[in-house]
Amino acid sequence: MATSIIQFRVDDELKNEAAAVYEKLGIDLSTAMRMFLKRSVMENGIPFPMTIQRNYDTAKAMQAVKTLNSQAQANGSSEMSLEDINAEIDAYRKERKTKKE
């Protein structure tokens, strides 16, 4: 089988960090790159999830927690144990199942 050389530029720090990771796994950088390419072909795309992380507004998140806490205190559910919560969920599921039948 004919082989090709692939060259690309990457900063030295990234190359060294990646090489150290692969060395701990018992492979070299070239083997890791071949594995990446083979897996890309198998997956017919990038072989790992590619997502853009959302930037959460901490102030909004804290306000939501405070609101939920206030609502839990107002309806008496703030002191419920995990067992209480699970029992309530089970009761709701049984009720919903009975309604469907």
PDB file of N, CA and C in Angstrom:
ATOM      1  N   MET A   1       0.844  -1.175   0.000  1.00  0.00           N
ATOM      2  CA  MET A   1       0.000   0.000   0.000  1.00  0.00           C
ATOM      3  C   MET A   1       0.892   1.243   0.000  1.00  0.00           C
ATOM      4  N   ALA A   2       0.600   2.168  -0.868  1.00  0.00           N
ATOM      5  CA  ALA A   2       1.374   3.407  -0.947  1.00  0.00           C
ATOM      6  C   ALA A   2       1.098   4.258   0.287  1.00  0.00           C
ATOM      7  N   THR A   3       2.078   5.008   0.695  1.00  0.00           N
ATOM      8  CA  THR A   3       1.913   5.883   1.855  1.00  0.00           C
ATOM      9  C   THR A   3       2.154   7.328   1.449  1.00  0.00           C
ATOM     10  N   SER A   4       1.612   8.222   2.240  1.00  0.00           N
ATOM     11  CA  SER A   4       1.773   9.655   2.011  1.00  0.00           C
ATOM     12  C   SER A   4       2.291  10.315   3.270  1.00  0.00           C
ATOM     13  N   ILE A   5       2.947  11.414   3.090  1.00  0.00           N
ATOM     14  CA  ILE A   5       3.408  12.210   4.220  1.00  0.00           C
ATOM     15  C   ILE A   5       2.435  13.368   4.391  1.00  0.00           C
ATOM     16  N   ILE A   6       1.990  13.564   5.620  1.00  0.00           N
ATOM     17  CA  ILE A   6       1.128  14.699   5.945  1.00  0.00           C
ATOM     18  C   ILE A   6       1.915  15.611   6.872  1.00  0.00           C
ATOM     19  N   GLN A   7       1.986  16.871   6.522  1.00  0.00           N
ATOM     20  CA  GLN A   7       2.665  17.833   7.376  1.00  0.00           C
ATOM     21  C   GLN A   7       1.680  18.923   7.772  1.00  0.00           C
ATOM     22  N   PHE A   8       1.765  19.343   9.017  1.00  0.00           N
ATOM     23  CA  PHE A   8       0.982  20.485   9.463  1.00  0.00           C
ATOM     24  C   PHE A   8       1.722  21.174  10.586  1.00  0.00           C
ATOM     25  N   ARG A   9       1.409  22.424  10.784  1.00  0.00           N
ATOM     26  CA  ARG A   9       2.098  23.210  11.798  1.00  0.00           C
ATOM     27  C   ARG A   9       1.260  23.267  13.067  1.00  0.00           C
ATOM     28  N   VAL A  10       1.966  23.171  14.191  1.00  0.00           N
ATOM     29  CA  VAL A  10       1.338  23.289  15.493  1.00  0.00           C
ATOM     30  C   VAL A  10       2.410  23.860  16.423  1.00  0.00           C
ATOM     31  N   ASP A  11       1.983  24.634  17.408  1.00  0.00           N
ATOM     32  CA  ASP A  11       3.010  25.216  18.284  1.00  0.00           C
ATOM     33  C   ASP A  11       3.696  24.128  19.102  1.00  0.00           C
ATOM     34  N   ASP A  12       4.935  24.395  19.457  1.00  0.00           N
ATOM     35  CA  ASP A  12       5.762  23.401  20.142  1.00  0.00           C
ATOM     36  C   ASP A  12       5.141  22.925  21.449  1.00  0.00           C
ATOM     37  N   GLU A  13       4.559  23.833  22.196  1.00  0.00           N
ATOM     38  CA  GLU A  13       3.985  23.461  23.494  1.00  0.00           C
ATOM     39  C   GLU A  13       2.861  22.441  23.327  1.00  0.00           C
ATOM     40  N   LEU A  14       1.964  22.681  22.364  1.00  0.00           N
ATOM     41  CA  LEU A  14       0.868  21.742  22.113  1.00  0.00           C
ATOM     42  C   LEU A  14       1.414  20.390  21.663  1.00  0.00           C
ATOM     43  N   LYS A  15       2.375  20.409  20.758  1.00  0.00           N
ATOM     44  CA  LYS A  15       2.970  19.158  20.278  1.00  0.00           C
ATOM     45  C   LYS A  15       3.571  18.374  21.433  1.00  0.00           C
ATOM     46  N   ASN A  16       4.327  19.050  22.285  1.00  0.00           N
ATOM     47  CA  ASN A  16       4.980  18.372  23.403  1.00  0.00           C
ATOM     48  C   ASN A  16       3.975  17.841  24.417  1.00  0.00           C
ATOM     49  N   GLU A  17       2.939  18.617  24.696  1.00  0.00           N
ATOM     50  CA  GLU A  17       1.909  18.160  25.640  1.00  0.00           C
ATOM     51  C   GLU A  17       1.178  16.939  25.098  1.00  0.00           C
ATOM     52  N   ALA A  18       0.807  16.995  23.816  1.00  0.00           N
ATOM     53  CA  ALA A  18       0.112  15.860  23.204  1.00  0.00           C
ATOM     54  C   ALA A  18       1.014  14.626  23.160  1.00  0.00           C
ATOM     55  N   ALA A  19       2.281  14.823  22.790  1.00  0.00           N
ATOM     56  CA  ALA A  19       3.220  13.701  22.734  1.00  0.00           C
ATOM     57  C   ALA A  19       3.370  13.055  24.105  1.00  0.00           C
ATOM     58  N   ALA A  20       3.370  13.870  25.163  1.00  0.00           N
ATOM     59  CA  ALA A  20       3.483  13.326  26.522  1.00  0.00           C
ATOM     60  C   ALA A  20       2.257  12.490  26.880  1.00  0.00           C
ATOM     61  N   VAL A  21       1.086  12.946  26.485  1.00  0.00           N
ATOM     62  CA  VAL A  21      -0.146  12.180  26.736  1.00  0.00           C
ATOM     63  C   VAL A  21      -0.079  10.845  26.019  1.00  0.00           C
ATOM     64  N   TYR A  22       0.279  10.869  24.744  1.00  0.00           N
ATOM     65  CA  TYR A  22       0.320   9.635  23.960  1.00  0.00           C
ATOM     66  C   TYR A  22       1.413   8.695  24.450  1.00  0.00           C
ATOM     67  N   GLU A  23       2.522   9.255  24.920  1.00  0.00           N
ATOM     68  CA  GLU A  23       3.590   8.416  25.463  1.00  0.00           C
ATOM     69  C   GLU A  23       3.082   7.640  26.678  1.00  0.00           C
ATOM     70  N   LYS A  24       2.284   8.289  27.504  1.00  0.00           N
ATOM     71  CA  LYS A  24       1.705   7.599  28.668  1.00  0.00           C
ATOM     72  C   LYS A  24       0.768   6.478  28.231  1.00  0.00           C
ATOM     73  N   LEU A  25       0.185   6.629  27.049  1.00  0.00           N
ATOM     74  CA  LEU A  25      -0.701   5.596  26.513  1.00  0.00           C
ATOM     75  C   LEU A  25       0.069   4.522  25.739  1.00  0.00           C
ATOM     76  N   GLY A  26       1.367   4.728  25.594  1.00  0.00           N
ATOM     77  CA  GLY A  26       2.193   3.731  24.923  1.00  0.00           C
ATOM     78  C   GLY A  26       2.244   3.869  23.413  1.00  0.00           C
ATOM     79  N   ILE A  27       1.875   5.025  22.904  1.00  0.00           N
ATOM     80  CA  ILE A  27       1.941   5.247  21.451  1.00  0.00           C
ATOM     81  C   ILE A  27       2.674   6.553  21.178  1.00  0.00           C
ATOM     82  N   ASP A  28       3.131   6.698  19.948  1.00  0.00           N
ATOM     83  CA  ASP A  28       3.792   7.948  19.583  1.00  0.00           C
ATOM     84  C   ASP A  28       2.801   8.865  18.865  1.00  0.00           C
ATOM     85  N   LEU A  29       3.250  10.071  18.609  1.00  0.00           N
ATOM     86  CA  LEU A  29       2.381  11.079  17.996  1.00  0.00           C
ATOM     87  C   LEU A  29       1.896  10.651  16.611  1.00  0.00           C
ATOM     88  N   SER A  30       2.767  10.037  15.832  1.00  0.00           N
ATOM     89  CA  SER A  30       2.379   9.586  14.480  1.00  0.00           C
ATOM     90  C   SER A  30       1.286   8.530  14.552  1.00  0.00           C
ATOM     91  N   THR A  31       1.417   7.595  15.475  1.00  0.00           N
ATOM     92  CA  THR A  31       0.394   6.558  15.640  1.00  0.00           C
ATOM     93  C   THR A  31      -0.930   7.181  16.056  1.00  0.00           C
ATOM     94  N   ALA A  32      -0.870   8.150  16.962  1.00  0.00           N
ATOM     95  CA  ALA A  32      -2.092   8.826  17.407  1.00  0.00           C
ATOM     96  C   ALA A  32      -2.781   9.534  16.241  1.00  0.00           C
ATOM     97  N   MET A  33      -1.998  10.164  15.380  1.00  0.00           N
ATOM     98  CA  MET A  33      -2.589  10.861  14.232  1.00  0.00           C
ATOM     99  C   MET A  33      -3.212   9.865  13.247  1.00  0.00           C
ATOM    100  N   ARG A  34      -2.542   8.720  13.039  1.00  0.00           N
ATOM    101  CA  ARG A  34      -3.120   7.683  12.171  1.00  0.00           C
ATOM    102  C   ARG A  34      -4.430   7.164  12.766  1.00  0.00           C
ATOM    103  N   MET A  35      -4.437   6.977  14.095  1.00  0.00           N
ATOM    104  CA  MET A  35      -5.663   6.521  14.763  1.00  0.00           C
ATOM    105  C   MET A  35      -6.787   7.538  14.567  1.00  0.00           C
ATOM    106  N   PHE A  36      -6.458   8.815  14.693  1.00  0.00           N
ATOM    107  CA  PHE A  36      -7.456   9.871  14.496  1.00  0.00           C
ATOM    108  C   PHE A  36      -8.030   9.799  13.082  1.00  0.00           C
ATOM    109  N   LEU A  37      -7.162   9.652  12.092  1.00  0.00           N
ATOM    110  CA  LEU A  37      -7.624   9.595  10.705  1.00  0.00           C
ATOM    111  C   LEU A  37      -8.470   8.348  10.444  1.00  0.00           C
ATOM    112  N   LYS A  38      -8.028   7.193  10.961  1.00  0.00           N
ATOM    113  CA  LYS A  38      -8.808   5.971  10.769  1.00  0.00           C
ATOM    114  C   LYS A  38     -10.182   6.094  11.413  1.00  0.00           C
ATOM    115  N   ARG A  39     -10.207   6.621  12.626  1.00  0.00           N
ATOM    116  CA  ARG A  39     -11.490   6.771  13.320  1.00  0.00           C
ATOM    117  C   ARG A  39     -12.384   7.785  12.597  1.00  0.00           C
ATOM    118  N   SER A  40     -11.798   8.827  12.026  1.00  0.00           N
ATOM    119  CA  SER A  40     -12.572   9.810  11.251  1.00  0.00           C
ATOM    120  C   SER A  40     -13.267   9.132  10.076  1.00  0.00           C
ATOM    121  N   VAL A  41     -12.550   8.221   9.416  1.00  0.00           N
ATOM    122  CA  VAL A  41     -13.130   7.484   8.287  1.00  0.00           C
ATOM    123  C   VAL A  41     -14.253   6.582   8.791  1.00  0.00           C
ATOM    124  N   MET A  42     -14.007   5.875   9.904  1.00  0.00           N
ATOM    125  CA  MET A  42     -15.033   4.983  10.456  1.00  0.00           C
ATOM    126  C   MET A  42     -16.296   5.746  10.850  1.00  0.00           C
ATOM    127  N   GLU A  43     -16.118   6.930  11.451  1.00  0.00           N
ATOM    128  CA  GLU A  43     -17.249   7.731  11.922  1.00  0.00           C
ATOM    129  C   GLU A  43     -17.859   8.576  10.806  1.00  0.00           C
ATOM    130  N   ASN A  44     -17.129   8.693   9.702  1.00  0.00           N
ATOM    131  CA  ASN A  44     -17.535   9.563   8.606  1.00  0.00           C
ATOM    132  C   ASN A  44     -17.665  11.008   9.098  1.00  0.00           C
ATOM    133  N   GLY A  45     -16.717  11.410   9.932  1.00  0.00           N
ATOM    134  CA  GLY A  45     -16.708  12.761  10.490  1.00  0.00           C
ATOM    135  C   GLY A  45     -15.676  12.856  11.600  1.00  0.00           C
ATOM    136  N   ILE A  46     -15.734  13.929  12.331  1.00  0.00           N
ATOM    137  CA  ILE A  46     -14.836  14.119  13.470  1.00  0.00           C
ATOM    138  C   ILE A  46     -15.177  13.046  14.507  1.00  0.00           C
ATOM    139  N   PRO A  47     -14.192  12.329  15.034  1.00  0.00           N
ATOM    140  CA  PRO A  47     -14.497  11.195  15.915  1.00  0.00           C
ATOM    141  C   PRO A  47     -14.735  11.545  17.385  1.00  0.00           C
ATOM    142  N   PHE A  48     -15.216  12.714  17.637  1.00  0.00           N
ATOM    143  CA  PHE A  48     -15.587  13.106  18.989  1.00  0.00           C
ATOM    144  C   PHE A  48     -16.604  14.230  18.878  1.00  0.00           C
ATOM    145  N   PRO A  49     -17.423  14.410  19.922  1.00  0.00           N
ATOM    146  CA  PRO A  49     -18.441  15.467  19.858  1.00  0.00           C
ATOM    147  C   PRO A  49     -17.793  16.846  19.770  1.00  0.00           C
ATOM    148  N   MET A  50     -18.349  17.674  18.957  1.00  0.00           N
ATOM    149  CA  MET A  50     -17.873  19.054  18.848  1.00  0.00           C
ATOM    150  C   MET A  50     -19.042  19.962  19.209  1.00  0.00           C
ATOM    151  N   THR A  51     -18.926  20.594  20.346  1.00  0.00           N
ATOM    152  CA  THR A  51     -19.989  21.478  20.793  1.00  0.00           C
ATOM    153  C   THR A  51     -19.403  22.819  21.215  1.00  0.00           C
ATOM    154  N   ILE A  52     -20.225  23.809  21.164  1.00  0.00           N
ATOM    155  CA  ILE A  52     -19.846  25.136  21.628  1.00  0.00           C
ATOM    156  C   ILE A  52     -20.473  25.303  22.999  1.00  0.00           C
ATOM    157  N   GLN A  53     -19.637  25.535  23.994  1.00  0.00           N
ATOM    158  CA  GLN A  53     -20.163  25.684  25.336  1.00  0.00           C
ATOM    159  C   GLN A  53     -20.922  26.995  25.456  1.00  0.00           C
ATOM    160  N   ARG A  54     -22.012  26.909  26.179  1.00  0.00           N
ATOM    161  CA  ARG A  54     -22.814  28.093  26.415  1.00  0.00           C
ATOM    162  C   ARG A  54     -22.174  28.907  27.529  1.00  0.00           C
ATOM    163  N   ASN A  55     -22.248  30.192  27.385  1.00  0.00           N
ATOM    164  CA  ASN A  55     -21.791  31.065  28.455  1.00  0.00           C
ATOM    165  C   ASN A  55     -22.992  31.388  29.327  1.00  0.00           C
ATOM    166  N   TYR A  56     -22.971  30.869  30.517  1.00  0.00           N
ATOM    167  CA  TYR A  56     -24.082  31.079  31.417  1.00  0.00           C
ATOM    168  C   TYR A  56     -23.894  32.371  32.192  1.00  0.00           C
ATOM    169  N   ASP A  57     -24.977  33.055  32.384  1.00  0.00           N
ATOM    170  CA  ASP A  57     -24.980  34.276  33.172  1.00  0.00           C
ATOM    171  C   ASP A  57     -25.124  33.861  34.632  1.00  0.00           C
ATOM    172  N   THR A  58     -24.049  34.004  35.390  1.00  0.00           N
ATOM    173  CA  THR A  58     -24.040  33.557  36.779  1.00  0.00           C
ATOM    174  C   THR A  58     -25.111  34.268  37.595  1.00  0.00           C
ATOM    175  N   ALA A  59     -25.290  35.542  37.349  1.00  0.00           N
ATOM    176  CA  ALA A  59     -26.294  36.304  38.101  1.00  0.00           C
ATOM    177  C   ALA A  59     -27.694  35.746  37.846  1.00  0.00           C
ATOM    178  N   LYS A  60     -27.989  35.414  36.589  1.00  0.00           N
ATOM    179  CA  LYS A  60     -29.298  34.833  36.259  1.00  0.00           C
ATOM    180  C   LYS A  60     -29.462  33.466  36.907  1.00  0.00           C
ATOM    181  N   ALA A  61     -28.389  32.673  36.885  1.00  0.00           N
ATOM    182  CA  ALA A  61     -28.444  31.340  37.486  1.00  0.00           C
ATOM    183  C   ALA A  61     -28.691  31.438  38.984  1.00  0.00           C
ATOM    184  N   MET A  62     -28.011  32.347  39.649  1.00  0.00           N
ATOM    185  CA  MET A  62     -28.206  32.522  41.093  1.00  0.00           C
ATOM    186  C   MET A  62     -29.620  33.014  41.393  1.00  0.00           C
ATOM    187  N   GLN A  63     -30.133  33.890  40.572  1.00  0.00           N
ATOM    188  CA  GLN A  63     -31.497  34.370  40.769  1.00  0.00           C
ATOM    189  C   GLN A  63     -32.490  33.229  40.587  1.00  0.00           C
ATOM    190  N   ALA A  64     -32.251  32.362  39.621  1.00  0.00           N
ATOM    191  CA  ALA A  64     -33.133  31.213  39.404  1.00  0.00           C
ATOM    192  C   ALA A  64     -33.115  30.290  40.617  1.00  0.00           C
ATOM    193  N   VAL A  65     -31.934  30.049  41.184  1.00  0.00           N
ATOM    194  CA  VAL A  65     -31.831  29.195  42.376  1.00  0.00           C
ATOM    195  C   VAL A  65     -32.592  29.826  43.535  1.00  0.00           C
ATOM    196  N   LYS A  66     -32.429  31.127  43.715  1.00  0.00           N
ATOM    197  CA  LYS A  66     -33.138  31.825  44.799  1.00  0.00           C
ATOM    198  C   LYS A  66     -34.649  31.747  44.601  1.00  0.00           C
ATOM    199  N   THR A  67     -35.097  31.907  43.366  1.00  0.00           N
ATOM    200  CA  THR A  67     -36.531  31.832  43.066  1.00  0.00           C
ATOM    201  C   THR A  67     -37.066  30.437  43.363  1.00  0.00           C
ATOM    202  N   LEU A  68     -36.335  29.412  42.922  1.00  0.00           N
ATOM    203  CA  LEU A  68     -36.758  28.034  43.180  1.00  0.00           C
ATOM    204  C   LEU A  68     -36.787  27.741  44.675  1.00  0.00           C
ATOM    205  N   ASN A  69     -35.807  28.250  45.393  1.00  0.00           N
ATOM    206  CA  ASN A  69     -35.768  28.053  46.838  1.00  0.00           C
ATOM    207  C   ASN A  69     -36.969  28.715  47.508  1.00  0.00           C
ATOM    208  N   SER A  70     -37.297  29.932  47.083  1.00  0.00           N
ATOM    209  CA  SER A  70     -38.458  30.633  47.636  1.00  0.00           C
ATOM    210  C   SER A  70     -39.744  29.867  47.352  1.00  0.00           C
ATOM    211  N   GLN A  71     -39.879  29.363  46.140  1.00  0.00           N
ATOM    212  CA  GLN A  71     -41.073  28.597  45.776  1.00  0.00           C
ATOM    213  C   GLN A  71     -41.154  27.304  46.578  1.00  0.00           C
ATOM    214  N   ALA A  72     -40.021  26.655  46.794  1.00  0.00           N
ATOM    215  CA  ALA A  72     -40.007  25.414  47.582  1.00  0.00           C
ATOM    216  C   ALA A  72     -40.421  25.693  49.022  1.00  0.00           C
ATOM    217  N   GLN A  73     -39.960  26.801  49.576  1.00  0.00           N
ATOM    218  CA  GLN A  73     -40.343  27.162  50.939  1.00  0.00           C
ATOM    219  C   GLN A  73     -41.822  27.516  51.013  1.00  0.00           C
ATOM    220  N   ALA A  74     -42.319  28.208  49.988  1.00  0.00           N
ATOM    221  CA  ALA A  74     -43.724  28.623  49.973  1.00  0.00           C
ATOM    222  C   ALA A  74     -44.670  27.425  49.878  1.00  0.00           C
ATOM    223  N   ASN A  75     -44.278  26.378  49.142  1.00  0.00           N
ATOM    224  CA  ASN A  75     -45.179  25.230  48.992  1.00  0.00           C
ATOM    225  C   ASN A  75     -44.849  24.075  49.932  1.00  0.00           C
ATOM    226  N   GLY A  76     -43.884  24.313  50.839  1.00  0.00           N
ATOM    227  CA  GLY A  76     -43.584  23.321  51.857  1.00  0.00           C
ATOM    228  C   GLY A  76     -42.714  22.163  51.412  1.00  0.00           C
ATOM    229  N   SER A  77     -42.077  22.284  50.275  1.00  0.00           N
ATOM    230  CA  SER A  77     -41.267  21.170  49.787  1.00  0.00           C
ATOM    231  C   SER A  77     -39.774  21.356  50.050  1.00  0.00           C
ATOM    232  N   SER A  78     -39.389  22.432  50.701  1.00  0.00           N
ATOM    233  CA  SER A  78     -37.959  22.699  50.904  1.00  0.00           C
ATOM    234  C   SER A  78     -37.317  21.741  51.899  1.00  0.00           C
ATOM    235  N   GLU A  79     -38.109  21.115  52.753  1.00  0.00           N
ATOM    236  CA  GLU A  79     -37.565  20.199  53.760  1.00  0.00           C
ATOM    237  C   GLU A  79     -37.772  18.727  53.385  1.00  0.00           C
ATOM    238  N   MET A  80     -38.174  18.462  52.142  1.00  0.00           N
ATOM    239  CA  MET A  80     -38.417  17.083  51.725  1.00  0.00           C
ATOM    240  C   MET A  80     -37.109  16.316  51.619  1.00  0.00           C
ATOM    241  N   SER A  81     -37.150  15.050  52.056  1.00  0.00           N
ATOM    242  CA  SER A  81     -35.978  14.180  51.912  1.00  0.00           C
ATOM    243  C   SER A  81     -35.992  13.577  50.509  1.00  0.00           C
ATOM    244  N   LEU A  82     -34.897  12.948  50.148  1.00  0.00           N
ATOM    245  CA  LEU A  82     -34.829  12.273  48.854  1.00  0.00           C
ATOM    246  C   LEU A  82     -35.893  11.190  48.764  1.00  0.00           C
ATOM    247  N   GLU A  83     -36.117  10.487  49.865  1.00  0.00           N
ATOM    248  CA  GLU A  83     -37.154   9.442  49.891  1.00  0.00           C
ATOM    249  C   GLU A  83     -38.538  10.045  49.655  1.00  0.00           C
ATOM    250  N   ASP A  84     -38.795  11.213  50.258  1.00  0.00           N
ATOM    251  CA  ASP A  84     -40.075  11.890  50.058  1.00  0.00           C
ATOM    252  C   ASP A  84     -40.264  12.280  48.593  1.00  0.00           C
ATOM    253  N   ILE A  85     -39.218  12.804  48.018  1.00  0.00           N
ATOM    254  CA  ILE A  85     -39.279  13.241  46.616  1.00  0.00           C
ATOM    255  C   ILE A  85     -39.524  12.035  45.717  1.00  0.00           C
ATOM    256  N   ASN A  86     -38.783  10.955  45.939  1.00  0.00           N
ATOM    257  CA  ASN A  86     -38.960   9.746  45.122  1.00  0.00           C
ATOM    258  C   ASN A  86     -40.356   9.153  45.290  1.00  0.00           C
ATOM    259  N   ALA A  87     -40.891   9.186  46.518  1.00  0.00           N
ATOM    260  CA  ALA A  87     -42.243   8.674  46.749  1.00  0.00           C
ATOM    261  C   ALA A  87     -43.261   9.505  45.980  1.00  0.00           C
ATOM    262  N   GLU A  88     -43.066  10.817  45.965  1.00  0.00           N
ATOM    263  CA  GLU A  88     -43.979  11.695  45.233  1.00  0.00           C
ATOM    264  C   GLU A  88     -43.906  11.425  43.727  1.00  0.00           C
ATOM    265  N   ILE A  89     -42.709  11.224  43.225  1.00  0.00           N
ATOM    266  CA  ILE A  89     -42.536  10.922  41.801  1.00  0.00           C
ATOM    267  C   ILE A  89     -43.212   9.598  41.466  1.00  0.00           C
ATOM    268  N   ASP A  90     -43.004   8.584  42.294  1.00  0.00           N
ATOM    269  CA  ASP A  90     -43.635   7.279  42.066  1.00  0.00           C
ATOM    270  C   ASP A  90     -45.149   7.387  42.066  1.00  0.00           C
ATOM    271  N   ALA A  91     -45.702   8.159  43.018  1.00  0.00           N
ATOM    272  CA  ALA A  91     -47.148   8.332  43.096  1.00  0.00           C
ATOM    273  C   ALA A  91     -47.670   9.009  41.830  1.00  0.00           C
ATOM    274  N   TYR A  92     -46.956  10.017  41.364  1.00  0.00           N
ATOM    275  CA  TYR A  92     -47.364  10.713  40.146  1.00  0.00           C
ATOM    276  C   TYR A  92     -47.341   9.769  38.947  1.00  0.00           C
ATOM    277  N   ARG A  93     -46.282   8.963  38.846  1.00  0.00           N
ATOM    278  CA  ARG A  93     -46.183   8.018  37.730  1.00  0.00           C
ATOM    279  C   ARG A  93     -47.310   6.993  37.763  1.00  0.00           C
ATOM    280  N   LYS A  94     -47.637   6.491  38.949  1.00  0.00           N
ATOM    281  CA  LYS A  94     -48.738   5.529  39.072  1.00  0.00           C
ATOM    282  C   LYS A  94     -50.058   6.168  38.669  1.00  0.00           C
ATOM    283  N   GLU A  95     -50.269   7.401  39.101  1.00  0.00           N
ATOM    284  CA  GLU A  95     -51.495   8.123  38.760  1.00  0.00           C
ATOM    285  C   GLU A  95     -51.599   8.334  37.260  1.00  0.00           C
ATOM    286  N   ARG A  96     -50.490   8.736  36.649  1.00  0.00           N
ATOM    287  CA  ARG A  96     -50.474   8.960  35.197  1.00  0.00           C
ATOM    288  C   ARG A  96     -50.713   7.675  34.444  1.00  0.00           C
ATOM    289  N   LYS A  97     -50.119   6.564  34.910  1.00  0.00           N
ATOM    290  CA  LYS A  97     -50.297   5.267  34.259  1.00  0.00           C
ATOM    291  C   LYS A  97     -51.750   4.820  34.360  1.00  0.00           C
ATOM    292  N   THR A  98     -52.376   5.044  35.526  1.00  0.00           N
ATOM    293  CA  THR A  98     -53.771   4.669  35.721  1.00  0.00           C
ATOM    294  C   THR A  98     -54.673   5.452  34.779  1.00  0.00           C
ATOM    295  N   LYS A  99     -54.396   6.716  34.578  1.00  0.00           N
ATOM    296  CA  LYS A  99     -55.199   7.567  33.684  1.00  0.00           C
ATOM    297  C   LYS A  99     -55.098   7.109  32.231  1.00  0.00           C
ATOM    298  N   LYS A 100     -53.922   6.595  31.836  1.00  0.00           N
ATOM    299  CA  LYS A 100     -53.739   6.132  30.460  1.00  0.00           C
ATOM    300  C   LYS A 100     -54.498   4.843  30.186  1.00  0.00           C
ATOM    301  N   GLU A 101     -54.641   4.029  31.216  1.00  0.00           N
ATOM    302  CA  GLU A 101     -55.312   2.724  31.048  1.00  0.00           C
ATOM    303  C   GLU A 101     -56.773   2.925  31.038  1.00  0.00           C
TER     304      GLU A 101
END
